[in-house]
Amino acid sequence: MPDAPWTPDSLRAHQPPIESALRASLELPKDPALPLYRMMRYQLGWVDGAGEDRNAETFRWLGAICLEASASLGGHPEQCAPIAAAIELLGESAAVHEEMQTATQQRAGQDAVWWVWGPAQAINAGDGLYALARLSILDTLSGDAVALLPATLSELDTAALEYYQGQYHDLQLQERVDVTEQQYMRMARGKYGALLGGAMALGAVSAGADEATVGAFREAGIEMGVASLIASEERLFWGEGEETGRALNKSKLYPVVAALQDGTLAQKRALGGYYFKRVMERDDLTGIRAVLEEAGARERTRAARDRAARSAIVALERTDLTLIQLDGWGEILNALTGEAWV
């Protein structure tokens, strides 16, 4: 998921149990000393390429949101922590594959797994992380919680499938300039919404919520993911010091989609000139930004972000959450989007 500009204290409190559950999941294999698992620890930020301990601060957004969803509905952190670890492992599995697919050489201050160990071993590491996500659930749910096993695995696998469908659409759209807002949203809800939606739904399931509440939490998470994505894409063009990788790999970001859909013929041709280049360069962003501003794309981007954010809150309002709890989710949403609008 896109990086958030800041993190609320309510989610920071969930980091210790998530980290503990993640470390426990890496002890599940019969041969945890196999170098394959060093690659996974590397992806999680615990070690460097040589296997030496690395003191990297990695915020576990997906797991924290999962635990917060569970807590909102009266769930128990010790029961939900392995489930929160599972959605984190799914997110890291997806990240390993995507970094390889997009030839991203660095992430979180170190070389990407595929860049260090090669694409073939990166596939192994990515697939292994997802297997550990399932084992994290299968090996830890006990007692009355066993009854939650089918629903929990179903939510995890659905989130994975929706993510990869979204990734398919994202890669497909990279080579096109006739991208509509509807096509963008299909990609965004799948690739970026599915993981946050899965985290929210898993938290609700772990708390024993009914189907309607689980569905409302899932929908809220999907919309939060879309709002976060659109906000991050605005920052790619108009922020300071932002990573530009997705802007240069020909991904169709929302500001570009807005201009391509509603811009003048001259504006569309200008954007096409950049996106049909064999390789885009950092200096191209200045020219693209000028076209986007002329087409009014920034205003449309902010409006789309706000629509998704409002939809997230509306979904949560369908549940029995108190006004104080809704305000807490509003703060989390503000952190994800970088805007204090709710």
C-alpha atoms as a PDB file:
ATOM      1  CA  MET A   1       0.000   0.000   0.000  1.00  0.00           C
ATOM      2  CA  PRO A   2       1.175   3.613  -0.477  1.00  0.00           C
ATOM      3  CA  ASP A   3       3.157   5.171   2.343  1.00  0.00           C
ATOM      4  CA  ALA A   4       1.123   7.398   4.653  1.00  0.00           C
ATOM      5  CA  PRO A   5       2.411  10.876   5.565  1.00  0.00           C
ATOM      6  CA  TRP A   6       2.043  10.221   9.307  1.00  0.00           C
ATOM      7  CA  THR A   7       0.847   7.550  11.725  1.00  0.00           C
ATOM      8  CA  PRO A   8      -1.678   7.966  14.557  1.00  0.00           C
ATOM      9  CA  ASP A   9      -0.823   6.847  18.089  1.00  0.00           C
ATOM     10  CA  SER A  10      -3.795   4.471  18.135  1.00  0.00           C
ATOM     11  CA  LEU A  11      -2.098   2.311  15.505  1.00  0.00           C
ATOM     12  CA  ARG A  12       1.404   2.599  16.935  1.00  0.00           C
ATOM     13  CA  ALA A  13       0.209   0.816  20.067  1.00  0.00           C
ATOM     14  CA  HIS A  14      -0.492  -2.293  17.975  1.00  0.00           C
ATOM     15  CA  GLN A  15       3.050  -2.696  16.664  1.00  0.00           C
ATOM     16  CA  PRO A  16       4.544  -4.921  19.442  1.00  0.00           C
ATOM     17  CA  PRO A  17       1.993  -7.785  19.192  1.00  0.00           C
ATOM     18  CA  ILE A  18       2.172  -7.707  15.392  1.00  0.00           C
ATOM     19  CA  GLU A  19       5.957  -7.867  15.409  1.00  0.00           C
ATOM     20  CA  SER A  20       5.882 -10.723  17.911  1.00  0.00           C
ATOM     21  CA  ALA A  21       3.389 -12.686  15.790  1.00  0.00           C
ATOM     22  CA  LEU A  22       5.434 -12.073  12.647  1.00  0.00           C
ATOM     23  CA  ARG A  23       8.572 -13.427  14.284  1.00  0.00           C
ATOM     24  CA  ALA A  24       6.641 -16.452  15.508  1.00  0.00           C
ATOM     25  CA  SER A  25       5.473 -17.134  11.951  1.00  0.00           C
ATOM     26  CA  LEU A  26       9.097 -17.352  10.762  1.00  0.00           C
ATOM     27  CA  GLU A  27       9.663 -20.129  13.298  1.00  0.00           C
ATOM     28  CA  LEU A  28       6.971 -22.329  11.763  1.00  0.00           C
ATOM     29  CA  PRO A  29       9.031 -23.894   8.908  1.00  0.00           C
ATOM     30  CA  LYS A  30      10.834 -27.180   9.606  1.00  0.00           C
ATOM     31  CA  ASP A  31      14.138 -25.590   8.555  1.00  0.00           C
ATOM     32  CA  PRO A  32      13.936 -21.886   9.513  1.00  0.00           C
ATOM     33  CA  ALA A  33      17.726 -21.541   9.043  1.00  0.00           C
ATOM     34  CA  LEU A  34      17.391 -22.135   5.273  1.00  0.00           C
ATOM     35  CA  PRO A  35      18.639 -19.033   3.388  1.00  0.00           C
ATOM     36  CA  LEU A  36      15.166 -18.741   1.832  1.00  0.00           C
ATOM     37  CA  TYR A  37      13.895 -17.534   5.202  1.00  0.00           C
ATOM     38  CA  ARG A  38      16.746 -15.051   5.468  1.00  0.00           C
ATOM     39  CA  MET A  39      15.323 -13.498   2.295  1.00  0.00           C
ATOM     40  CA  MET A  40      11.954 -13.241   3.989  1.00  0.00           C
ATOM     41  CA  ARG A  41      13.475 -11.689   7.119  1.00  0.00           C
ATOM     42  CA  TYR A  42      15.298  -9.272   4.833  1.00  0.00           C
ATOM     43  CA  GLN A  43      11.992  -8.300   3.201  1.00  0.00           C
ATOM     44  CA  LEU A  44      10.491  -7.743   6.649  1.00  0.00           C
ATOM     45  CA  GLY A  45      13.367  -5.386   7.501  1.00  0.00           C
ATOM     46  CA  TRP A  46      14.934  -7.498  10.247  1.00  0.00           C
ATOM     47  CA  VAL A  47      18.298  -8.355   8.638  1.00  0.00           C
ATOM     48  CA  ASP A  48      20.633  -7.082   5.941  1.00  0.00           C
ATOM     49  CA  GLY A  49      21.788  -9.048   2.906  1.00  0.00           C
ATOM     50  CA  ALA A  50      24.409 -10.887   4.978  1.00  0.00           C
ATOM     51  CA  GLY A  51      21.850 -11.930   7.563  1.00  0.00           C
ATOM     52  CA  GLU A  52      23.067  -9.478  10.237  1.00  0.00           C
ATOM     53  CA  ASP A  53      20.457  -7.822  12.448  1.00  0.00           C
ATOM     54  CA  ARG A  54      19.182  -4.535  11.082  1.00  0.00           C
ATOM     55  CA  ASN A  55      17.444  -1.949  13.223  1.00  0.00           C
ATOM     56  CA  ALA A  56      14.979  -0.737  10.619  1.00  0.00           C
ATOM     57  CA  GLU A  57      11.758   0.883  11.787  1.00  0.00           C
ATOM     58  CA  THR A  58       8.983  -0.579   9.659  1.00  0.00           C
ATOM     59  CA  PHE A  59       5.433   0.425  10.418  1.00  0.00           C
ATOM     60  CA  ARG A  60       3.014  -2.484   9.932  1.00  0.00           C
ATOM     61  CA  TRP A  61       0.015  -0.611   8.551  1.00  0.00           C
ATOM     62  CA  LEU A  62      -2.041  -3.610   7.457  1.00  0.00           C
ATOM     63  CA  GLY A  63      -1.603  -5.475  10.716  1.00  0.00           C
ATOM     64  CA  ALA A  64      -2.290  -2.368  12.797  1.00  0.00           C
ATOM     65  CA  ILE A  65      -5.522  -1.647  10.945  1.00  0.00           C
ATOM     66  CA  CYS A  66      -6.541  -5.292  11.356  1.00  0.00           C
ATOM     67  CA  LEU A  67      -5.983  -5.114  15.136  1.00  0.00           C
ATOM     68  CA  GLU A  68      -7.749  -1.755  15.369  1.00  0.00           C
ATOM     69  CA  ALA A  69     -10.763  -3.156  13.521  1.00  0.00           C
ATOM     70  CA  SER A  70     -10.882  -6.095  15.905  1.00  0.00           C
ATOM     71  CA  ALA A  71     -10.538  -3.865  18.963  1.00  0.00           C
ATOM     72  CA  SER A  72     -13.319  -1.582  17.664  1.00  0.00           C
ATOM     73  CA  LEU A  73     -15.669  -4.567  17.802  1.00  0.00           C
ATOM     74  CA  GLY A  74     -14.547  -5.949  21.146  1.00  0.00           C
ATOM     75  CA  GLY A  75     -12.017  -8.453  19.863  1.00  0.00           C
ATOM     76  CA  HIS A  76      -9.007  -9.726  21.783  1.00  0.00           C
ATOM     77  CA  PRO A  77      -5.530  -8.624  20.565  1.00  0.00           C
ATOM     78  CA  GLU A  78      -3.859 -11.928  21.498  1.00  0.00           C
ATOM     79  CA  GLN A  79      -6.360 -13.827  19.351  1.00  0.00           C
ATOM     80  CA  CYS A  80      -6.138 -11.409  16.432  1.00  0.00           C
ATOM     81  CA  ALA A  81      -2.358 -10.864  16.387  1.00  0.00           C
ATOM     82  CA  PRO A  82      -1.568 -13.960  14.233  1.00  0.00           C
ATOM     83  CA  ILE A  83      -4.309 -12.863  11.834  1.00  0.00           C
ATOM     84  CA  ALA A  84      -2.806  -9.365  11.711  1.00  0.00           C
ATOM     85  CA  ALA A  85       0.570 -10.983  10.997  1.00  0.00           C
ATOM     86  CA  ALA A  86      -1.034 -12.963   8.169  1.00  0.00           C
ATOM     87  CA  ILE A  87      -2.305  -9.874   6.324  1.00  0.00           C
ATOM     88  CA  GLU A  88       1.133  -8.282   6.797  1.00  0.00           C
ATOM     89  CA  LEU A  89       2.786 -11.360   5.274  1.00  0.00           C
ATOM     90  CA  LEU A  90       0.371 -11.220   2.356  1.00  0.00           C
ATOM     91  CA  GLY A  91       1.274  -7.556   1.848  1.00  0.00           C
ATOM     92  CA  GLU A  92       5.000  -8.368   1.858  1.00  0.00           C
ATOM     93  CA  SER A  93       4.435 -11.278  -0.532  1.00  0.00           C
ATOM     94  CA  ALA A  94       2.694  -8.923  -2.941  1.00  0.00           C
ATOM     95  CA  ALA A  95       5.462  -6.332  -2.517  1.00  0.00           C
ATOM     96  CA  VAL A  96       8.212  -8.828  -3.421  1.00  0.00           C
ATOM     97  CA  HIS A  97       6.429  -9.732  -6.645  1.00  0.00           C
ATOM     98  CA  GLU A  98       5.533  -6.162  -7.568  1.00  0.00           C
ATOM     99  CA  GLU A  99       9.050  -4.836  -7.007  1.00  0.00           C
ATOM    100  CA  MET A 100      10.297  -7.459  -9.442  1.00  0.00           C
ATOM    101  CA  GLN A 101       7.525  -6.800 -11.976  1.00  0.00           C
ATOM    102  CA  THR A 102       8.195  -3.056 -11.959  1.00  0.00           C
ATOM    103  CA  ALA A 103      12.008  -3.404 -11.744  1.00  0.00           C
ATOM    104  CA  THR A 104      12.042  -1.409  -8.503  1.00  0.00           C
ATOM    105  CA  GLN A 105      15.627  -1.743  -7.292  1.00  0.00           C
ATOM    106  CA  GLN A 106      15.221  -0.316  -3.778  1.00  0.00           C
ATOM    107  CA  ARG A 107      12.600  -0.290  -1.063  1.00  0.00           C
ATOM    108  CA  ALA A 108      12.667   0.874   2.557  1.00  0.00           C
ATOM    109  CA  GLY A 109      16.297   1.982   2.381  1.00  0.00           C
ATOM    110  CA  GLN A 110      17.792  -1.220   0.999  1.00  0.00           C
ATOM    111  CA  ASP A 111      17.990  -3.159  -2.271  1.00  0.00           C
ATOM    112  CA  ALA A 112      14.885  -5.120  -3.279  1.00  0.00           C
ATOM    113  CA  VAL A 113      14.928  -8.898  -2.807  1.00  0.00           C
ATOM    114  CA  TRP A 114      15.001  -9.596  -6.543  1.00  0.00           C
ATOM    115  CA  TRP A 115      17.927  -7.209  -7.002  1.00  0.00           C
ATOM    116  CA  VAL A 116      19.980  -9.026  -4.341  1.00  0.00           C
ATOM    117  CA  TRP A 117      19.039 -12.663  -4.985  1.00  0.00           C
ATOM    118  CA  GLY A 118      17.636 -12.584  -8.525  1.00  0.00           C
ATOM    119  CA  PRO A 119      14.082 -12.897  -9.910  1.00  0.00           C
ATOM    120  CA  ALA A 120      13.809 -16.680  -9.534  1.00  0.00           C
ATOM    121  CA  GLN A 121      14.604 -16.692  -5.823  1.00  0.00           C
ATOM    122  CA  ALA A 122      12.444 -13.611  -5.322  1.00  0.00           C
ATOM    123  CA  ILE A 123       9.470 -15.601  -6.642  1.00  0.00           C
ATOM    124  CA  ASN A 124      10.250 -18.294  -4.087  1.00  0.00           C
ATOM    125  CA  ALA A 125      10.429 -15.741  -1.283  1.00  0.00           C
ATOM    126  CA  GLY A 126       7.193 -14.029  -2.327  1.00  0.00           C
ATOM    127  CA  ASP A 127       5.275 -17.295  -2.611  1.00  0.00           C
ATOM    128  CA  GLY A 128       6.763 -18.511   0.672  1.00  0.00           C
ATOM    129  CA  LEU A 129       5.598 -15.403   2.506  1.00  0.00           C
ATOM    130  CA  TYR A 130       2.030 -16.087   1.416  1.00  0.00           C
ATOM    131  CA  ALA A 131       2.295 -19.717   2.562  1.00  0.00           C
ATOM    132  CA  LEU A 132       3.484 -18.452   5.953  1.00  0.00           C
ATOM    133  CA  ALA A 133       0.490 -16.104   6.066  1.00  0.00           C
ATOM    134  CA  ARG A 134      -1.858 -19.079   5.895  1.00  0.00           C
ATOM    135  CA  LEU A 135       0.205 -21.104   8.362  1.00  0.00           C
ATOM    136  CA  SER A 136       0.194 -18.160  10.762  1.00  0.00           C
ATOM    137  CA  ILE A 137      -3.569 -18.577  10.949  1.00  0.00           C
ATOM    138  CA  LEU A 138      -3.763 -22.380  10.808  1.00  0.00           C
ATOM    139  CA  ASP A 139      -1.179 -22.931  13.537  1.00  0.00           C
ATOM    140  CA  THR A 140      -2.447 -20.395  16.045  1.00  0.00           C
ATOM    141  CA  LEU A 141      -6.249 -20.403  16.060  1.00  0.00           C
ATOM    142  CA  SER A 142      -7.390 -22.651  18.887  1.00  0.00           C
ATOM    143  CA  GLY A 143     -10.301 -23.182  21.244  1.00  0.00           C
ATOM    144  CA  ASP A 144     -13.459 -21.311  20.322  1.00  0.00           C
ATOM    145  CA  ALA A 145     -11.512 -19.376  17.670  1.00  0.00           C
ATOM    146  CA  VAL A 146     -11.256 -22.527  15.510  1.00  0.00           C
ATOM    147  CA  ALA A 147     -14.821 -21.837  14.401  1.00  0.00           C
ATOM    148  CA  LEU A 148     -13.535 -18.667  12.724  1.00  0.00           C
ATOM    149  CA  LEU A 149     -11.018 -20.570  10.584  1.00  0.00           C
ATOM    150  CA  PRO A 150     -13.075 -20.923   7.339  1.00  0.00           C
ATOM    151  CA  ALA A 151     -14.117 -17.259   7.308  1.00  0.00           C
ATOM    152  CA  THR A 152     -10.595 -16.100   8.184  1.00  0.00           C
ATOM    153  CA  LEU A 153      -8.888 -18.062   5.416  1.00  0.00           C
ATOM    154  CA  SER A 154     -11.613 -17.052   2.967  1.00  0.00           C
ATOM    155  CA  GLU A 155     -11.020 -13.339   3.687  1.00  0.00           C
ATOM    156  CA  LEU A 156      -7.243 -13.763   3.359  1.00  0.00           C
ATOM    157  CA  ASP A 157      -7.456 -15.659   0.063  1.00  0.00           C
ATOM    158  CA  THR A 158     -10.067 -13.271  -1.336  1.00  0.00           C
ATOM    159  CA  ALA A 159      -7.851 -10.294  -0.535  1.00  0.00           C
ATOM    160  CA  ALA A 160      -4.940 -12.021  -2.298  1.00  0.00           C
ATOM    161  CA  LEU A 161      -6.980 -12.814  -5.398  1.00  0.00           C
ATOM    162  CA  GLU A 162      -8.448  -9.308  -5.578  1.00  0.00           C
ATOM    163  CA  TYR A 163      -4.967  -7.832  -5.231  1.00  0.00           C
ATOM    164  CA  TYR A 164      -3.553  -9.860  -8.110  1.00  0.00           C
ATOM    165  CA  GLN A 165      -6.527  -9.005 -10.287  1.00  0.00           C
ATOM    166  CA  GLY A 166      -5.811  -5.350  -9.558  1.00  0.00           C
ATOM    167  CA  GLN A 167      -2.121  -5.861 -10.343  1.00  0.00           C
ATOM    168  CA  TYR A 168      -3.106  -7.422 -13.675  1.00  0.00           C
ATOM    169  CA  HIS A 169      -5.176  -4.363 -14.531  1.00  0.00           C
ATOM    170  CA  ASP A 170      -2.369  -2.014 -13.429  1.00  0.00           C
ATOM    171  CA  LEU A 171       0.170  -3.696 -15.700  1.00  0.00           C
ATOM    172  CA  GLN A 172      -2.338  -3.796 -18.546  1.00  0.00           C
ATOM    173  CA  LEU A 173      -3.061  -0.070 -18.273  1.00  0.00           C
ATOM    174  CA  GLN A 174       0.614   0.918 -18.368  1.00  0.00           C
ATOM    175  CA  GLU A 175       0.741   0.520 -22.137  1.00  0.00           C
ATOM    176  CA  ARG A 176      -2.460   2.454 -22.817  1.00  0.00           C
ATOM    177  CA  VAL A 177      -3.397   6.122 -22.879  1.00  0.00           C
ATOM    178  CA  ASP A 178      -7.148   5.641 -23.372  1.00  0.00           C
ATOM    179  CA  VAL A 179      -7.722   4.900 -19.687  1.00  0.00           C
ATOM    180  CA  THR A 180     -11.057   5.870 -18.137  1.00  0.00           C
ATOM    181  CA  GLU A 181     -11.784   6.702 -14.521  1.00  0.00           C
ATOM    182  CA  GLN A 182     -13.896   3.535 -14.284  1.00  0.00           C
ATOM    183  CA  GLN A 183     -10.926   1.400 -15.375  1.00  0.00           C
ATOM    184  CA  TYR A 184      -8.655   3.186 -12.919  1.00  0.00           C
ATOM    185  CA  MET A 185     -11.069   2.588 -10.045  1.00  0.00           C
ATOM    186  CA  ARG A 186     -11.341  -1.097 -10.897  1.00  0.00           C
ATOM    187  CA  MET A 187      -7.559  -1.321 -10.635  1.00  0.00           C
ATOM    188  CA  ALA A 188      -7.365   0.802  -7.480  1.00  0.00           C
ATOM    189  CA  ARG A 189     -10.077  -1.069  -5.597  1.00  0.00           C
ATOM    190  CA  GLY A 190      -8.380  -4.351  -6.419  1.00  0.00           C
ATOM    191  CA  LYS A 191      -4.693  -3.638  -6.089  1.00  0.00           C
ATOM    192  CA  TYR A 192      -4.755  -1.088  -3.276  1.00  0.00           C
ATOM    193  CA  GLY A 193      -8.187  -1.484  -1.762  1.00  0.00           C
ATOM    194  CA  ALA A 194      -8.143  -5.250  -1.407  1.00  0.00           C
ATOM    195  CA  LEU A 195      -5.312  -5.416   1.134  1.00  0.00           C
ATOM    196  CA  LEU A 196      -6.743  -2.705   3.398  1.00  0.00           C
ATOM    197  CA  GLY A 197     -10.229  -4.132   2.914  1.00  0.00           C
ATOM    198  CA  GLY A 198      -8.911  -7.569   3.807  1.00  0.00           C
ATOM    199  CA  ALA A 199      -7.215  -6.197   6.925  1.00  0.00           C
ATOM    200  CA  MET A 200     -10.442  -4.559   8.081  1.00  0.00           C
ATOM    201  CA  ALA A 201     -12.568  -7.618   7.315  1.00  0.00           C
ATOM    202  CA  LEU A 202     -10.118  -9.984   9.040  1.00  0.00           C
ATOM    203  CA  GLY A 203     -10.205  -7.822  12.145  1.00  0.00           C
ATOM    204  CA  ALA A 204     -13.990  -7.893  12.147  1.00  0.00           C
ATOM    205  CA  VAL A 205     -14.065 -11.671  11.641  1.00  0.00           C
ATOM    206  CA  SER A 206     -11.627 -12.201  14.521  1.00  0.00           C
ATOM    207  CA  ALA A 207     -13.993 -10.253  16.784  1.00  0.00           C
ATOM    208  CA  GLY A 208     -16.908 -12.518  15.822  1.00  0.00           C
ATOM    209  CA  ALA A 209     -18.788  -9.805  13.928  1.00  0.00           C
ATOM    210  CA  ASP A 210     -21.830 -10.688  11.837  1.00  0.00           C
ATOM    211  CA  GLU A 211     -21.672 -10.844   8.041  1.00  0.00           C
ATOM    212  CA  ALA A 212     -23.126  -7.357   7.520  1.00  0.00           C
ATOM    213  CA  THR A 213     -20.541  -5.778   9.831  1.00  0.00           C
ATOM    214  CA  VAL A 214     -17.679  -7.697   8.212  1.00  0.00           C
ATOM    215  CA  GLY A 215     -18.902  -6.486   4.815  1.00  0.00           C
ATOM    216  CA  ALA A 216     -19.112  -2.879   5.999  1.00  0.00           C
ATOM    217  CA  PHE A 217     -15.574  -3.018   7.394  1.00  0.00           C
ATOM    218  CA  ARG A 218     -14.294  -4.613   4.184  1.00  0.00           C
ATOM    219  CA  GLU A 219     -15.912  -1.890   2.055  1.00  0.00           C
ATOM    220  CA  ALA A 220     -14.556   0.835   4.349  1.00  0.00           C
ATOM    221  CA  GLY A 221     -11.050  -0.590   3.993  1.00  0.00           C
ATOM    222  CA  ILE A 222     -11.310  -0.749   0.212  1.00  0.00           C
ATOM    223  CA  GLU A 223     -12.378   2.901   0.037  1.00  0.00           C
ATOM    224  CA  MET A 224      -9.635   3.893   2.489  1.00  0.00           C
ATOM    225  CA  GLY A 225      -7.125   2.164   0.220  1.00  0.00           C
ATOM    226  CA  VAL A 226      -8.419   4.043  -2.826  1.00  0.00           C
ATOM    227  CA  ALA A 227      -8.348   7.381  -0.984  1.00  0.00           C
ATOM    228  CA  SER A 228      -4.798   6.706   0.212  1.00  0.00           C
ATOM    229  CA  LEU A 229      -3.661   5.777  -3.293  1.00  0.00           C
ATOM    230  CA  ILE A 230      -5.141   8.876  -4.926  1.00  0.00           C
ATOM    231  CA  ALA A 231      -3.645  11.101  -2.227  1.00  0.00           C
ATOM    232  CA  SER A 232      -0.205   9.535  -2.754  1.00  0.00           C
ATOM    233  CA  GLU A 233      -0.494  10.069  -6.514  1.00  0.00           C
ATOM    234  CA  GLU A 234      -1.257  13.732  -6.010  1.00  0.00           C
ATOM    235  CA  ARG A 235       1.897  13.965  -3.890  1.00  0.00           C
ATOM    236  CA  LEU A 236       3.938  12.295  -6.639  1.00  0.00           C
ATOM    237  CA  PHE A 237       3.304  15.316  -8.843  1.00  0.00           C
ATOM    238  CA  TRP A 238       2.829  18.114  -6.323  1.00  0.00           C
ATOM    239  CA  GLY A 239       4.540  16.947  -3.155  1.00  0.00           C
ATOM    240  CA  GLU A 240       8.090  17.449  -1.974  1.00  0.00           C
ATOM    241  CA  GLY A 241      10.689  14.699  -1.858  1.00  0.00           C
ATOM    242  CA  GLU A 242       8.290  11.973  -2.938  1.00  0.00           C
ATOM    243  CA  GLU A 243       9.439   8.750  -4.571  1.00  0.00           C
ATOM    244  CA  THR A 244       8.841   9.007  -8.331  1.00  0.00           C
ATOM    245  CA  GLY A 245       9.077   5.333  -9.325  1.00  0.00           C
ATOM    246  CA  ARG A 246       5.392   4.781 -10.088  1.00  0.00           C
ATOM    247  CA  ALA A 247       5.209   8.045 -12.016  1.00  0.00           C
ATOM    248  CA  LEU A 248       8.024   6.938 -14.314  1.00  0.00           C
ATOM    249  CA  ASN A 249       7.066   3.312 -14.958  1.00  0.00           C
ATOM    250  CA  LYS A 250       4.064   4.451 -17.022  1.00  0.00           C
ATOM    251  CA  SER A 251       1.485   3.541 -14.379  1.00  0.00           C
ATOM    252  CA  LYS A 252      -1.679   5.503 -15.051  1.00  0.00           C
ATOM    253  CA  LEU A 253      -1.989   7.663 -11.962  1.00  0.00           C
ATOM    254  CA  TYR A 254      -5.275   9.363 -11.177  1.00  0.00           C
ATOM    255  CA  PRO A 255      -4.207  12.913 -12.156  1.00  0.00           C
ATOM    256  CA  VAL A 256      -3.123  11.581 -15.545  1.00  0.00           C
ATOM    257  CA  VAL A 257      -6.336   9.593 -15.989  1.00  0.00           C
ATOM    258  CA  ALA A 258      -8.385  12.694 -15.133  1.00  0.00           C
ATOM    259  CA  ALA A 259      -6.559  14.762 -17.759  1.00  0.00           C
ATOM    260  CA  LEU A 260      -6.744  12.019 -20.392  1.00  0.00           C
ATOM    261  CA  GLN A 261     -10.466  11.620 -19.868  1.00  0.00           C
ATOM    262  CA  ASP A 262     -11.565  15.255 -19.760  1.00  0.00           C
ATOM    263  CA  GLY A 263      -8.651  17.262 -21.156  1.00  0.00           C
ATOM    264  CA  THR A 264      -8.525  18.974 -24.534  1.00  0.00           C
ATOM    265  CA  LEU A 265      -7.204  17.154 -27.588  1.00  0.00           C
ATOM    266  CA  ALA A 266      -3.944  19.118 -27.318  1.00  0.00           C
ATOM    267  CA  GLN A 267      -3.538  18.157 -23.655  1.00  0.00           C
ATOM    268  CA  LYS A 268      -4.180  14.491 -24.422  1.00  0.00           C
ATOM    269  CA  ARG A 269      -1.630  14.549 -27.232  1.00  0.00           C
ATOM    270  CA  ALA A 270       0.930  16.187 -24.964  1.00  0.00           C
ATOM    271  CA  LEU A 271       0.480  13.503 -22.323  1.00  0.00           C
ATOM    272  CA  GLY A 272       0.577  10.779 -24.958  1.00  0.00           C
ATOM    273  CA  GLY A 273       3.936  12.104 -26.115  1.00  0.00           C
ATOM    274  CA  TYR A 274       5.383  11.400 -22.682  1.00  0.00           C
ATOM    275  CA  TYR A 275       3.708   8.062 -22.074  1.00  0.00           C
ATOM    276  CA  PHE A 276       4.583   6.645 -25.495  1.00  0.00           C
ATOM    277  CA  LYS A 277       8.277   7.239 -24.875  1.00  0.00           C
ATOM    278  CA  ARG A 278      10.296   4.050 -24.567  1.00  0.00           C
ATOM    279  CA  VAL A 279      11.733   5.220 -21.255  1.00  0.00           C
ATOM    280  CA  MET A 280      10.386   8.087 -19.184  1.00  0.00           C
ATOM    281  CA  GLU A 281      12.882  10.302 -17.369  1.00  0.00           C
ATOM    282  CA  ARG A 282      12.599  12.316 -14.170  1.00  0.00           C
ATOM    283  CA  ASP A 283      12.664  15.606 -16.082  1.00  0.00           C
ATOM    284  CA  ASP A 284       9.496  14.507 -17.899  1.00  0.00           C
ATOM    285  CA  LEU A 285       7.540  14.997 -14.684  1.00  0.00           C
ATOM    286  CA  THR A 286       7.898  18.762 -14.976  1.00  0.00           C
ATOM    287  CA  GLY A 287       6.273  18.759 -18.400  1.00  0.00           C
ATOM    288  CA  ILE A 288       3.567  16.315 -17.336  1.00  0.00           C
ATOM    289  CA  ARG A 289       2.792  18.411 -14.258  1.00  0.00           C
ATOM    290  CA  ALA A 290       2.314  21.499 -16.420  1.00  0.00           C
ATOM    291  CA  VAL A 291      -0.203  19.697 -18.633  1.00  0.00           C
ATOM    292  CA  LEU A 292      -2.048  18.320 -15.606  1.00  0.00           C
ATOM    293  CA  GLU A 293      -2.357  21.767 -14.044  1.00  0.00           C
ATOM    294  CA  GLU A 294      -3.626  23.237 -17.287  1.00  0.00           C
ATOM    295  CA  ALA A 295      -6.261  20.475 -17.482  1.00  0.00           C
ATOM    296  CA  GLY A 296      -7.432  21.057 -13.901  1.00  0.00           C
ATOM    297  CA  ALA A 297      -6.377  17.537 -12.912  1.00  0.00           C
ATOM    298  CA  ARG A 298      -5.275  18.442  -9.399  1.00  0.00           C
ATOM    299  CA  GLU A 299      -8.722  19.659  -8.402  1.00  0.00           C
ATOM    300  CA  ARG A 300     -10.348  16.535  -9.845  1.00  0.00           C
ATOM    301  CA  THR A 301      -7.823  14.374  -8.025  1.00  0.00           C
ATOM    302  CA  ARG A 302      -8.642  15.951  -4.682  1.00  0.00           C
ATOM    303  CA  ALA A 303     -12.358  15.557  -5.339  1.00  0.00           C
ATOM    304  CA  ALA A 304     -11.913  11.847  -6.120  1.00  0.00           C
ATOM    305  CA  ARG A 305      -9.837  11.377  -2.982  1.00  0.00           C
ATOM    306  CA  ASP A 306     -12.522  13.005  -0.853  1.00  0.00           C
ATOM    307  CA  ARG A 307     -15.300  10.908  -2.432  1.00  0.00           C
ATOM    308  CA  ALA A 308     -13.459   7.703  -1.546  1.00  0.00           C
ATOM    309  CA  ALA A 309     -12.736   8.935   1.984  1.00  0.00           C
ATOM    310  CA  ARG A 310     -16.375   9.869   2.565  1.00  0.00           C
ATOM    311  CA  SER A 311     -17.484   6.468   1.258  1.00  0.00           C
ATOM    312  CA  ALA A 312     -15.219   4.806   3.823  1.00  0.00           C
ATOM    313  CA  ILE A 313     -16.834   6.706   6.697  1.00  0.00           C
ATOM    314  CA  VAL A 314     -20.343   6.059   5.329  1.00  0.00           C
ATOM    315  CA  ALA A 315     -19.599   2.325   5.285  1.00  0.00           C
ATOM    316  CA  LEU A 316     -18.473   2.406   8.922  1.00  0.00           C
ATOM    317  CA  GLU A 317     -21.575   4.384   9.878  1.00  0.00           C
ATOM    318  CA  ARG A 318     -23.636   1.332   8.887  1.00  0.00           C
ATOM    319  CA  THR A 319     -22.175  -0.513  11.885  1.00  0.00           C
ATOM    320  CA  ASP A 320     -22.713  -0.112  15.631  1.00  0.00           C
ATOM    321  CA  LEU A 321     -19.526   1.898  16.180  1.00  0.00           C
ATOM    322  CA  THR A 322     -19.861   4.824  18.566  1.00  0.00           C
ATOM    323  CA  LEU A 323     -19.253   8.415  17.500  1.00  0.00           C
ATOM    324  CA  ILE A 324     -15.934   8.360  19.364  1.00  0.00           C
ATOM    325  CA  GLN A 325     -14.894   5.219  17.482  1.00  0.00           C
ATOM    326  CA  LEU A 326     -15.930   6.772  14.162  1.00  0.00           C
ATOM    327  CA  ASP A 327     -13.816   9.814  15.015  1.00  0.00           C
ATOM    328  CA  GLY A 328     -10.885   7.474  15.645  1.00  0.00           C
ATOM    329  CA  TRP A 329     -11.272   5.930  12.202  1.00  0.00           C
ATOM    330  CA  GLY A 330     -11.515   9.432  10.783  1.00  0.00           C
ATOM    331  CA  GLU A 331      -8.113  10.181  12.291  1.00  0.00           C
ATOM    332  CA  ILE A 332      -6.675   7.045  10.691  1.00  0.00           C
ATOM    333  CA  LEU A 333      -8.169   8.083   7.370  1.00  0.00           C
ATOM    334  CA  ASN A 334      -6.648  11.548   7.749  1.00  0.00           C
ATOM    335  CA  ALA A 335      -3.266   9.910   8.309  1.00  0.00           C
ATOM    336  CA  LEU A 336      -3.626   7.744   5.214  1.00  0.00           C
ATOM    337  CA  THR A 337      -4.537  10.671   2.986  1.00  0.00           C
ATOM    338  CA  GLY A 338      -2.482  13.401   4.613  1.00  0.00           C
ATOM    339  CA  GLU A 339      -5.554  15.575   4.903  1.00  0.00           C
ATOM    340  CA  ALA A 340      -7.544  16.646   7.983  1.00  0.00           C
ATOM    341  CA  TRP A 341     -10.882  16.844   6.242  1.00  0.00           C
ATOM    342  CA  VAL A 342     -12.974  14.584   8.489  1.00  0.00           C
END
